[in-house]
Every structure is written in C-alpha cells, then in structure tokens.
Amino acid sequence: MALIIDIETIGADFDSLDEVTRHNLTRWINRQAGDDKEKFNVLLKDLKEGFGFSPLTGEIAAIGVFDTEKNKGVVYFQALDIEISEYNEASFCFKPKTEKEMLKAFWQGVLKYKTFVTFNGRSFDIPFLLIRGAVHKIKPTLNLMSNRYLRSQYGTVRHIDLLDQFSFYGAVRRRGNLHLYCNAFGIRSPKAEGITGDDVSRLFKEKKYKEIAEYNSWDLIATWELYQVWKKYINI
C-alpha cells in the first residue's frame, strides 16, 4: 500500500510584498536590463510567474493524496470568498480548506502509511509542505525527506520520488518532466486537458478553485500509473 502525493502552488502578489523584499527580488533584473524598460518588464513578468515555485514567495493551493490499495483519493483545496461544499467525483473526495487546515489534515493522514510516492517530491512538494507548515507552526508527523536512496530505506518510511528513479538519481542527462514520461509510456497526461502547473496562479485569481483541485487529481492518477510502470519494468 502506498500513498501518492502531489501539491499545487500559487505565488504571492508582487505589490503585497514589502519594499525590501521587492528590491532583493528585482535587483538582478535592474542590473541585467539597465535602461531597457521593455526587457525589464519581460524579466519582471517571468519573476512574478515563478513566485509559486518557492514557499517563501508562494503558498499551497491544493494538496492531493491517493491510496493505491483503496483506489481512492482526497484533494484539499483553498476556496477563498466562495462557499463550496465538500463533493465527490470519480475516485476522489474534494474538500475545501484553508492552507493551515490542509497541512494539518495532510500530516495526520500520512500516519497511516509507510510508503509514499511523488514525482519530483524531494525537490519540490515535500520541502514546500515542510516550509509552509513551519510558517503555520505545524510540525510534520513523519520524515519524508530522509534516506533518498531506496536501498537505505528498508525498515523506515519509504519515499519513492519517481523523478529520481526514472533519471537514476540524476545519471540521465535530461531528466524530463511528468508530461514527457506520461507520453513515453502511453499514460494520459494531466496536461491533456489544457491545464498546466503554470496556469494554477491564474485560475486561483479567477476563483476557479475546483478546476485547480481537479487538475491536482489528474496529476495524482498520472503519478500512480507511472509508479506501476516503475514497479513492473524498472524496479529490481
């Protein structure tokens, strides 16, 4: 039995940041752009769009988990200023919560499991969960960042990062992303519906919270199917 984990994140509003933070984030842009206003605006746009990739300039919009034995999942998601009731669709239960509530529910839920599966979770999802948890004074219940190499994980909590496994811990020159691996193995990519992780911040601003939650569930299913490929054809 394993638990698949995936999160969706959003960036902070640039204008809401304090002056010192804005200066620290943009000083390299000023050096690179010089007096070129058009170049400055392009670089600033790229910077703002990347805020959701750091827990220091972003937050969690959705946390999804999928139980591979029960074939059921839960997606917790933020829904600001809109009344959305908990609902079920396909194999998932969708539950609106604040970021703090999501993190509390996540760390309580993982206690039932010993094996966890992510795609790039060691570099992104789990560190993001840990830092945002610390922001809300929430302590993790399990160490999902220890023992990166599977051979050293026996007898402990196992965290299988599929990007580690498919790239053989970075030995492969081009590691690829979830979409490329899905295409290679004939798995329906979560990007097939026309949404990518880059769209999440925009969807959040448009208050399309359910679309974000459902996109997260597609990521979970794709990761689960990739996990089955890895277990059957690559893991020894």
C-alpha atoms as a PDB file:
ATOM      1  CA  MET A   1       0.000   0.000   0.000  1.00  0.00           C
ATOM      2  CA  ALA A   2       1.393   3.382  -0.988  1.00  0.00           C
ATOM      3  CA  LEU A   3       0.218   6.983  -0.812  1.00  0.00           C
ATOM      4  CA  ILE A   4       0.693   9.190  -3.868  1.00  0.00           C
ATOM      5  CA  ILE A   5       1.302  12.864  -3.002  1.00  0.00           C
ATOM      6  CA  ASP A   6       1.060  15.993  -5.148  1.00  0.00           C
ATOM      7  CA  ILE A   7       0.555  19.694  -4.473  1.00  0.00           C
ATOM      8  CA  GLU A   8      -0.427  22.785  -6.463  1.00  0.00           C
ATOM      9  CA  THR A   9       1.028  26.152  -5.517  1.00  0.00           C
ATOM     10  CA  ILE A  10       0.411  29.829  -6.185  1.00  0.00           C
ATOM     11  CA  GLY A  11       2.637  32.896  -5.980  1.00  0.00           C
ATOM     12  CA  ALA A  12       2.213  35.963  -3.823  1.00  0.00           C
ATOM     13  CA  ASP A  13       1.041  39.237  -5.316  1.00  0.00           C
ATOM     14  CA  PHE A  14       4.182  41.270  -6.036  1.00  0.00           C
ATOM     15  CA  ASP A  15       2.645  44.530  -4.828  1.00  0.00           C
ATOM     16  CA  SER A  16       1.761  42.935  -1.483  1.00  0.00           C
ATOM     17  CA  LEU A  17       5.447  42.291  -0.693  1.00  0.00           C
ATOM     18  CA  ASP A  18       7.387  44.764   1.427  1.00  0.00           C
ATOM     19  CA  GLU A  19       9.798  47.183  -0.222  1.00  0.00           C
ATOM     20  CA  VAL A  20      12.969  45.375   0.937  1.00  0.00           C
ATOM     21  CA  THR A  21      11.712  42.050  -0.441  1.00  0.00           C
ATOM     22  CA  ARG A  22      10.742  43.616  -3.774  1.00  0.00           C
ATOM     23  CA  HIS A  23      14.189  45.206  -4.012  1.00  0.00           C
ATOM     24  CA  ASN A  24      16.011  41.961  -3.185  1.00  0.00           C
ATOM     25  CA  LEU A  25      13.987  40.028  -5.743  1.00  0.00           C
ATOM     26  CA  THR A  26      14.424  42.536  -8.565  1.00  0.00           C
ATOM     27  CA  ARG A  27      17.936  43.931  -8.170  1.00  0.00           C
ATOM     28  CA  TRP A  28      19.363  41.363 -10.601  1.00  0.00           C
ATOM     29  CA  ILE A  29      16.711  42.450 -13.108  1.00  0.00           C
ATOM     30  CA  ASN A  30      17.814  46.067 -12.782  1.00  0.00           C
ATOM     31  CA  ARG A  31      21.425  45.051 -13.380  1.00  0.00           C
ATOM     32  CA  GLN A  32      20.560  42.904 -16.391  1.00  0.00           C
ATOM     33  CA  ALA A  33      18.003  45.200 -18.026  1.00  0.00           C
ATOM     34  CA  GLY A  34      19.746  48.513 -17.388  1.00  0.00           C
ATOM     35  CA  ASP A  35      17.760  51.263 -19.078  1.00  0.00           C
ATOM     36  CA  ASP A  36      15.864  48.836 -21.318  1.00  0.00           C
ATOM     37  CA  LYS A  37      12.309  49.199 -19.955  1.00  0.00           C
ATOM     38  CA  GLU A  38      10.866  46.537 -22.245  1.00  0.00           C
ATOM     39  CA  LYS A  39      13.456  43.972 -21.139  1.00  0.00           C
ATOM     40  CA  PHE A  40      12.827  44.926 -17.502  1.00  0.00           C
ATOM     41  CA  ASN A  41       9.096  44.284 -17.866  1.00  0.00           C
ATOM     42  CA  VAL A  42       9.677  40.903 -19.533  1.00  0.00           C
ATOM     43  CA  LEU A  43      12.085  39.792 -16.787  1.00  0.00           C
ATOM     44  CA  LEU A  44       9.763  41.094 -14.064  1.00  0.00           C
ATOM     45  CA  LYS A  45       6.845  39.163 -15.572  1.00  0.00           C
ATOM     46  CA  ASP A  46       8.931  35.965 -15.568  1.00  0.00           C
ATOM     47  CA  LEU A  47       9.938  36.612 -11.958  1.00  0.00           C
ATOM     48  CA  LYS A  48       6.343  37.081 -10.801  1.00  0.00           C
ATOM     49  CA  GLU A  49       5.206  33.937 -12.602  1.00  0.00           C
ATOM     50  CA  GLY A  50       7.844  31.965 -10.701  1.00  0.00           C
ATOM     51  CA  PHE A  51       6.775  33.053  -7.213  1.00  0.00           C
ATOM     52  CA  GLY A  52       4.674  29.917  -6.799  1.00  0.00           C
ATOM     53  CA  PHE A  53       7.766  27.712  -7.037  1.00  0.00           C
ATOM     54  CA  SER A  54       9.116  28.900  -3.673  1.00  0.00           C
ATOM     55  CA  PRO A  55       7.414  28.557  -0.278  1.00  0.00           C
ATOM     56  CA  LEU A  56       8.972  31.936   0.593  1.00  0.00           C
ATOM     57  CA  THR A  57       7.009  33.755  -2.116  1.00  0.00           C
ATOM     58  CA  GLY A  58       4.099  31.372  -2.553  1.00  0.00           C
ATOM     59  CA  GLU A  59       1.620  29.137  -0.787  1.00  0.00           C
ATOM     60  CA  ILE A  60      -0.282  25.909  -1.310  1.00  0.00           C
ATOM     61  CA  ALA A  61      -3.490  25.998  -3.335  1.00  0.00           C
ATOM     62  CA  ALA A  62      -4.173  22.246  -3.167  1.00  0.00           C
ATOM     63  CA  ILE A  63      -2.797  19.097  -1.542  1.00  0.00           C
ATOM     64  CA  GLY A  64      -3.802  15.784  -3.068  1.00  0.00           C
ATOM     65  CA  VAL A  65      -3.242  12.213  -1.893  1.00  0.00           C
ATOM     66  CA  PHE A  66      -4.194   8.892  -3.465  1.00  0.00           C
ATOM     67  CA  ASP A  67      -4.313   5.492  -1.717  1.00  0.00           C
ATOM     68  CA  THR A  68      -3.095   2.873  -4.211  1.00  0.00           C
ATOM     69  CA  GLU A  69      -4.759  -0.026  -2.364  1.00  0.00           C
ATOM     70  CA  LYS A  70      -8.182   1.510  -1.843  1.00  0.00           C
ATOM     71  CA  ASN A  71      -8.035   3.251  -5.229  1.00  0.00           C
ATOM     72  CA  LYS A  72      -9.360   6.402  -3.588  1.00  0.00           C
ATOM     73  CA  GLY A  73      -8.013   9.888  -3.113  1.00  0.00           C
ATOM     74  CA  VAL A  74      -8.622  13.160  -1.321  1.00  0.00           C
ATOM     75  CA  VAL A  75      -7.835  16.645  -2.567  1.00  0.00           C
ATOM     76  CA  TYR A  76      -7.795  19.521  -0.094  1.00  0.00           C
ATOM     77  CA  PHE A  77      -8.025  22.900  -1.785  1.00  0.00           C
ATOM     78  CA  GLN A  78      -8.316  26.571  -0.977  1.00  0.00           C
ATOM     79  CA  ALA A  79     -11.532  28.339  -1.976  1.00  0.00           C
ATOM     80  CA  LEU A  80     -11.324  31.960  -0.896  1.00  0.00           C
ATOM     81  CA  ASP A  81     -14.517  34.016  -0.608  1.00  0.00           C
ATOM     82  CA  ILE A  82     -16.633  31.285  -2.207  1.00  0.00           C
ATOM     83  CA  GLU A  83     -18.888  28.782  -0.469  1.00  0.00           C
ATOM     84  CA  ILE A  84     -18.019  25.363  -1.902  1.00  0.00           C
ATOM     85  CA  SER A  85     -19.267  22.227  -0.202  1.00  0.00           C
ATOM     86  CA  GLU A  86     -17.256  19.043   0.015  1.00  0.00           C
ATOM     87  CA  TYR A  87     -18.018  16.871  -3.018  1.00  0.00           C
ATOM     88  CA  ASN A  88     -17.122  13.550  -4.613  1.00  0.00           C
ATOM     89  CA  GLU A  89     -16.173  12.853  -8.203  1.00  0.00           C
ATOM     90  CA  ALA A  90     -14.845   9.584  -9.631  1.00  0.00           C
ATOM     91  CA  SER A  91     -12.413   8.158  -7.052  1.00  0.00           C
ATOM     92  CA  PHE A  92     -11.830  11.443  -5.248  1.00  0.00           C
ATOM     93  CA  CYS A  93     -13.301  13.441  -2.407  1.00  0.00           C
ATOM     94  CA  PHE A  94     -12.700  17.182  -2.749  1.00  0.00           C
ATOM     95  CA  LYS A  95     -12.551  19.169   0.493  1.00  0.00           C
ATOM     96  CA  PRO A  96     -12.204  22.971   0.671  1.00  0.00           C
ATOM     97  CA  LYS A  97      -9.884  24.120   3.475  1.00  0.00           C
ATOM     98  CA  THR A  98      -7.502  26.920   4.379  1.00  0.00           C
ATOM     99  CA  GLU A  99      -3.798  26.303   3.818  1.00  0.00           C
ATOM    100  CA  LYS A 100      -3.308  25.712   7.549  1.00  0.00           C
ATOM    101  CA  GLU A 101      -6.218  23.242   7.672  1.00  0.00           C
ATOM    102  CA  MET A 102      -4.879  21.413   4.605  1.00  0.00           C
ATOM    103  CA  LEU A 103      -1.466  20.984   6.185  1.00  0.00           C
ATOM    104  CA  LYS A 104      -2.901  19.719   9.467  1.00  0.00           C
ATOM    105  CA  ALA A 105      -5.108  17.193   7.668  1.00  0.00           C
ATOM    106  CA  PHE A 106      -2.220  16.051   5.463  1.00  0.00           C
ATOM    107  CA  TRP A 107       0.219  15.385   8.299  1.00  0.00           C
ATOM    108  CA  GLN A 108      -2.416  13.496  10.263  1.00  0.00           C
ATOM    109  CA  GLY A 109      -3.425  11.426   7.231  1.00  0.00           C
ATOM    110  CA  VAL A 110       0.098  10.268   6.346  1.00  0.00           C
ATOM    111  CA  LEU A 111       0.493   8.489   9.692  1.00  0.00           C
ATOM    112  CA  LYS A 112      -1.423   5.515   8.266  1.00  0.00           C
ATOM    113  CA  TYR A 113       1.232   4.824   5.594  1.00  0.00           C
ATOM    114  CA  LYS A 114       4.817   3.632   5.263  1.00  0.00           C
ATOM    115  CA  THR A 115       5.381   4.081   1.515  1.00  0.00           C
ATOM    116  CA  PHE A 116       4.991   7.406  -0.283  1.00  0.00           C
ATOM    117  CA  VAL A 117       5.290   8.187  -3.968  1.00  0.00           C
ATOM    118  CA  THR A 118       5.871  11.556  -5.633  1.00  0.00           C
ATOM    119  CA  PHE A 119       7.159  12.946  -8.894  1.00  0.00           C
ATOM    120  CA  ASN A 120       9.932  15.423  -8.038  1.00  0.00           C
ATOM    121  CA  GLY A 121       8.635  15.426  -4.478  1.00  0.00           C
ATOM    122  CA  ARG A 122      12.054  15.587  -2.831  1.00  0.00           C
ATOM    123  CA  SER A 123      12.970  18.764  -4.677  1.00  0.00           C
ATOM    124  CA  PHE A 124       9.575  20.446  -4.611  1.00  0.00           C
ATOM    125  CA  ASP A 125       6.437  19.045  -2.951  1.00  0.00           C
ATOM    126  CA  ILE A 126       7.795  17.868   0.395  1.00  0.00           C
ATOM    127  CA  PRO A 127      10.128  20.843   1.074  1.00  0.00           C
ATOM    128  CA  PHE A 128       7.228  23.146   0.166  1.00  0.00           C
ATOM    129  CA  LEU A 129       4.934  21.315   2.613  1.00  0.00           C
ATOM    130  CA  LEU A 130       7.571  21.495   5.352  1.00  0.00           C
ATOM    131  CA  ILE A 131       8.315  25.201   4.971  1.00  0.00           C
ATOM    132  CA  ARG A 132       4.653  26.218   4.670  1.00  0.00           C
ATOM    133  CA  GLY A 133       3.898  24.033   7.679  1.00  0.00           C
ATOM    134  CA  ALA A 134       6.569  25.842   9.683  1.00  0.00           C
ATOM    135  CA  VAL A 135       5.017  29.168   8.642  1.00  0.00           C
ATOM    136  CA  HIS A 136       1.787  27.984  10.283  1.00  0.00           C
ATOM    137  CA  LYS A 137       3.633  26.447  13.283  1.00  0.00           C
ATOM    138  CA  ILE A 138       2.707  22.905  12.185  1.00  0.00           C
ATOM    139  CA  LYS A 139       5.221  20.140  12.898  1.00  0.00           C
ATOM    140  CA  PRO A 140       5.465  17.208  10.443  1.00  0.00           C
ATOM    141  CA  THR A 141       4.484  13.799  11.772  1.00  0.00           C
ATOM    142  CA  LEU A 142       6.876  11.805   9.536  1.00  0.00           C
ATOM    143  CA  ASN A 143      10.254  12.470   7.957  1.00  0.00           C
ATOM    144  CA  LEU A 144       9.602  12.260   4.222  1.00  0.00           C
ATOM    145  CA  MET A 145      12.992  13.720   3.289  1.00  0.00           C
ATOM    146  CA  SER A 146      15.343  11.165   4.848  1.00  0.00           C
ATOM    147  CA  ASN A 147      17.180   8.351   3.045  1.00  0.00           C
ATOM    148  CA  ARG A 148      16.941   9.431  -0.575  1.00  0.00           C
ATOM    149  CA  TYR A 149      18.339   6.145  -1.884  1.00  0.00           C
ATOM    150  CA  LEU A 150      15.858   3.283  -1.770  1.00  0.00           C
ATOM    151  CA  ARG A 151      18.436   0.703  -0.649  1.00  0.00           C
ATOM    152  CA  SER A 152      18.771   2.600   2.633  1.00  0.00           C
ATOM    153  CA  GLN A 153      15.044   2.903   3.256  1.00  0.00           C
ATOM    154  CA  TYR A 154      14.216  -0.602   4.442  1.00  0.00           C
ATOM    155  CA  GLY A 155      12.632  -0.629   7.885  1.00  0.00           C
ATOM    156  CA  THR A 156      11.829   3.066   7.683  1.00  0.00           C
ATOM    157  CA  VAL A 157       9.335   5.276   5.907  1.00  0.00           C
ATOM    158  CA  ARG A 158       9.938   4.920   2.154  1.00  0.00           C
ATOM    159  CA  HIS A 159       9.645   7.950  -0.090  1.00  0.00           C
ATOM    160  CA  ILE A 160       9.908   6.947  -3.748  1.00  0.00           C
ATOM    161  CA  ASP A 161      10.484  10.002  -5.908  1.00  0.00           C
ATOM    162  CA  LEU A 162       9.783   8.774  -9.428  1.00  0.00           C
ATOM    163  CA  LEU A 163      11.881  11.518 -10.998  1.00  0.00           C
ATOM    164  CA  ASP A 164      14.839  10.173  -9.012  1.00  0.00           C
ATOM    165  CA  GLN A 165      14.055   6.650 -10.162  1.00  0.00           C
ATOM    166  CA  PHE A 166      13.471   7.345 -13.858  1.00  0.00           C
ATOM    167  CA  SER A 167      16.560   9.578 -14.049  1.00  0.00           C
ATOM    168  CA  PHE A 168      18.588   7.131 -11.916  1.00  0.00           C
ATOM    169  CA  TYR A 169      19.358   9.808  -9.333  1.00  0.00           C
ATOM    170  CA  GLY A 170      20.459  12.317 -11.944  1.00  0.00           C
ATOM    171  CA  ALA A 171      22.641   9.980 -14.014  1.00  0.00           C
ATOM    172  CA  VAL A 172      20.432  10.629 -17.046  1.00  0.00           C
ATOM    173  CA  ARG A 173      21.457  13.831 -18.770  1.00  0.00           C
ATOM    174  CA  ARG A 174      17.919  15.074 -19.489  1.00  0.00           C
ATOM    175  CA  ARG A 175      15.585  14.224 -16.646  1.00  0.00           C
ATOM    176  CA  GLY A 176      12.289  15.115 -18.344  1.00  0.00           C
ATOM    177  CA  ASN A 177       9.018  16.118 -16.703  1.00  0.00           C
ATOM    178  CA  LEU A 178       5.746  14.391 -15.842  1.00  0.00           C
ATOM    179  CA  HIS A 179       4.198  15.156 -19.220  1.00  0.00           C
ATOM    180  CA  LEU A 180       7.124  13.653 -21.159  1.00  0.00           C
ATOM    181  CA  TYR A 181       7.150  10.471 -19.083  1.00  0.00           C
ATOM    182  CA  CYS A 182       3.398  10.088 -19.492  1.00  0.00           C
ATOM    183  CA  ASN A 183       3.711  10.418 -23.269  1.00  0.00           C
ATOM    184  CA  ALA A 184       6.593   7.947 -23.392  1.00  0.00           C
ATOM    185  CA  PHE A 185       4.633   5.264 -21.520  1.00  0.00           C
ATOM    186  CA  GLY A 186       1.248   5.868 -23.126  1.00  0.00           C
ATOM    187  CA  ILE A 187      -0.268   7.373 -19.980  1.00  0.00           C
ATOM    188  CA  ARG A 188      -2.849  10.128 -20.261  1.00  0.00           C
ATOM    189  CA  SER A 189      -1.026  13.293 -19.250  1.00  0.00           C
ATOM    190  CA  PRO A 190      -2.752  15.653 -16.788  1.00  0.00           C
ATOM    191  CA  LYS A 191      -1.772  18.406 -19.233  1.00  0.00           C
ATOM    192  CA  ALA A 192      -4.041  16.834 -21.872  1.00  0.00           C
ATOM    193  CA  GLU A 193      -6.986  18.847 -20.548  1.00  0.00           C
ATOM    194  CA  GLY A 194      -5.222  22.100 -21.428  1.00  0.00           C
ATOM    195  CA  ILE A 195      -4.113  22.995 -17.900  1.00  0.00           C
ATOM    196  CA  THR A 196      -0.538  23.019 -16.619  1.00  0.00           C
ATOM    197  CA  GLY A 197       1.041  23.980 -13.311  1.00  0.00           C
ATOM    198  CA  ASP A 198       1.787  27.387 -14.824  1.00  0.00           C
ATOM    199  CA  ASP A 199      -1.960  28.045 -15.055  1.00  0.00           C
ATOM    200  CA  VAL A 200      -2.702  27.494 -11.368  1.00  0.00           C
ATOM    201  CA  SER A 201      -1.986  31.054 -10.212  1.00  0.00           C
ATOM    202  CA  ARG A 202      -4.190  32.469 -12.961  1.00  0.00           C
ATOM    203  CA  LEU A 203      -7.001  30.033 -12.174  1.00  0.00           C
ATOM    204  CA  PHE A 204      -6.729  30.953  -8.499  1.00  0.00           C
ATOM    205  CA  LYS A 205      -7.081  34.653  -9.281  1.00  0.00           C
ATOM    206  CA  GLU A 206     -10.123  33.801 -11.398  1.00  0.00           C
ATOM    207  CA  LYS A 207     -11.548  31.880  -8.404  1.00  0.00           C
ATOM    208  CA  LYS A 208     -11.616  28.637 -10.390  1.00  0.00           C
ATOM    209  CA  TYR A 209     -10.753  26.631  -7.312  1.00  0.00           C
ATOM    210  CA  LYS A 210     -12.493  23.434  -8.347  1.00  0.00           C
ATOM    211  CA  GLU A 211     -10.552  23.384 -11.619  1.00  0.00           C
ATOM    212  CA  ILE A 212      -7.298  23.525  -9.634  1.00  0.00           C
ATOM    213  CA  ALA A 213      -8.441  20.707  -7.335  1.00  0.00           C
ATOM    214  CA  GLU A 214      -9.481  18.504 -10.235  1.00  0.00           C
ATOM    215  CA  TYR A 215      -6.228  19.193 -12.079  1.00  0.00           C
ATOM    216  CA  ASN A 216      -4.423  18.038  -8.941  1.00  0.00           C
ATOM    217  CA  SER A 217      -6.373  14.753  -9.028  1.00  0.00           C
ATOM    218  CA  TRP A 218      -5.230  14.170 -12.629  1.00  0.00           C
ATOM    219  CA  ASP A 219      -1.610  14.632 -11.523  1.00  0.00           C
ATOM    220  CA  LEU A 220      -2.144  12.026  -8.821  1.00  0.00           C
ATOM    221  CA  ILE A 221      -3.577   9.470 -11.238  1.00  0.00           C
ATOM    222  CA  ALA A 222      -0.759  10.028 -13.728  1.00  0.00           C
ATOM    223  CA  THR A 223       1.825   9.619 -10.964  1.00  0.00           C
ATOM    224  CA  TRP A 224       0.123   6.417  -9.800  1.00  0.00           C
ATOM    225  CA  GLU A 225       0.214   4.966 -13.334  1.00  0.00           C
ATOM    226  CA  LEU A 226       3.888   5.900 -13.671  1.00  0.00           C
ATOM    227  CA  TYR A 227       4.532   4.199 -10.330  1.00  0.00           C
ATOM    228  CA  GLN A 228       3.034   0.985 -11.704  1.00  0.00           C
ATOM    229  CA  VAL A 229       5.341   1.177 -14.746  1.00  0.00           C
ATOM    230  CA  TRP A 230       8.351   1.671 -12.496  1.00  0.00           C
ATOM    231  CA  LYS A 231       7.411  -1.205 -10.188  1.00  0.00           C
ATOM    232  CA  LYS A 232       6.774  -3.655 -13.040  1.00  0.00           C
ATOM    233  CA  TYR A 233       9.553  -2.843 -15.507  1.00  0.00           C
ATOM    234  CA  ILE A 234      12.350  -0.922 -13.767  1.00  0.00           C
ATOM    235  CA  ASN A 235      12.494  -1.656 -10.040  1.00  0.00           C
ATOM    236  CA  ILE A 236      14.758  -4.577  -9.155  1.00  0.00           C
END
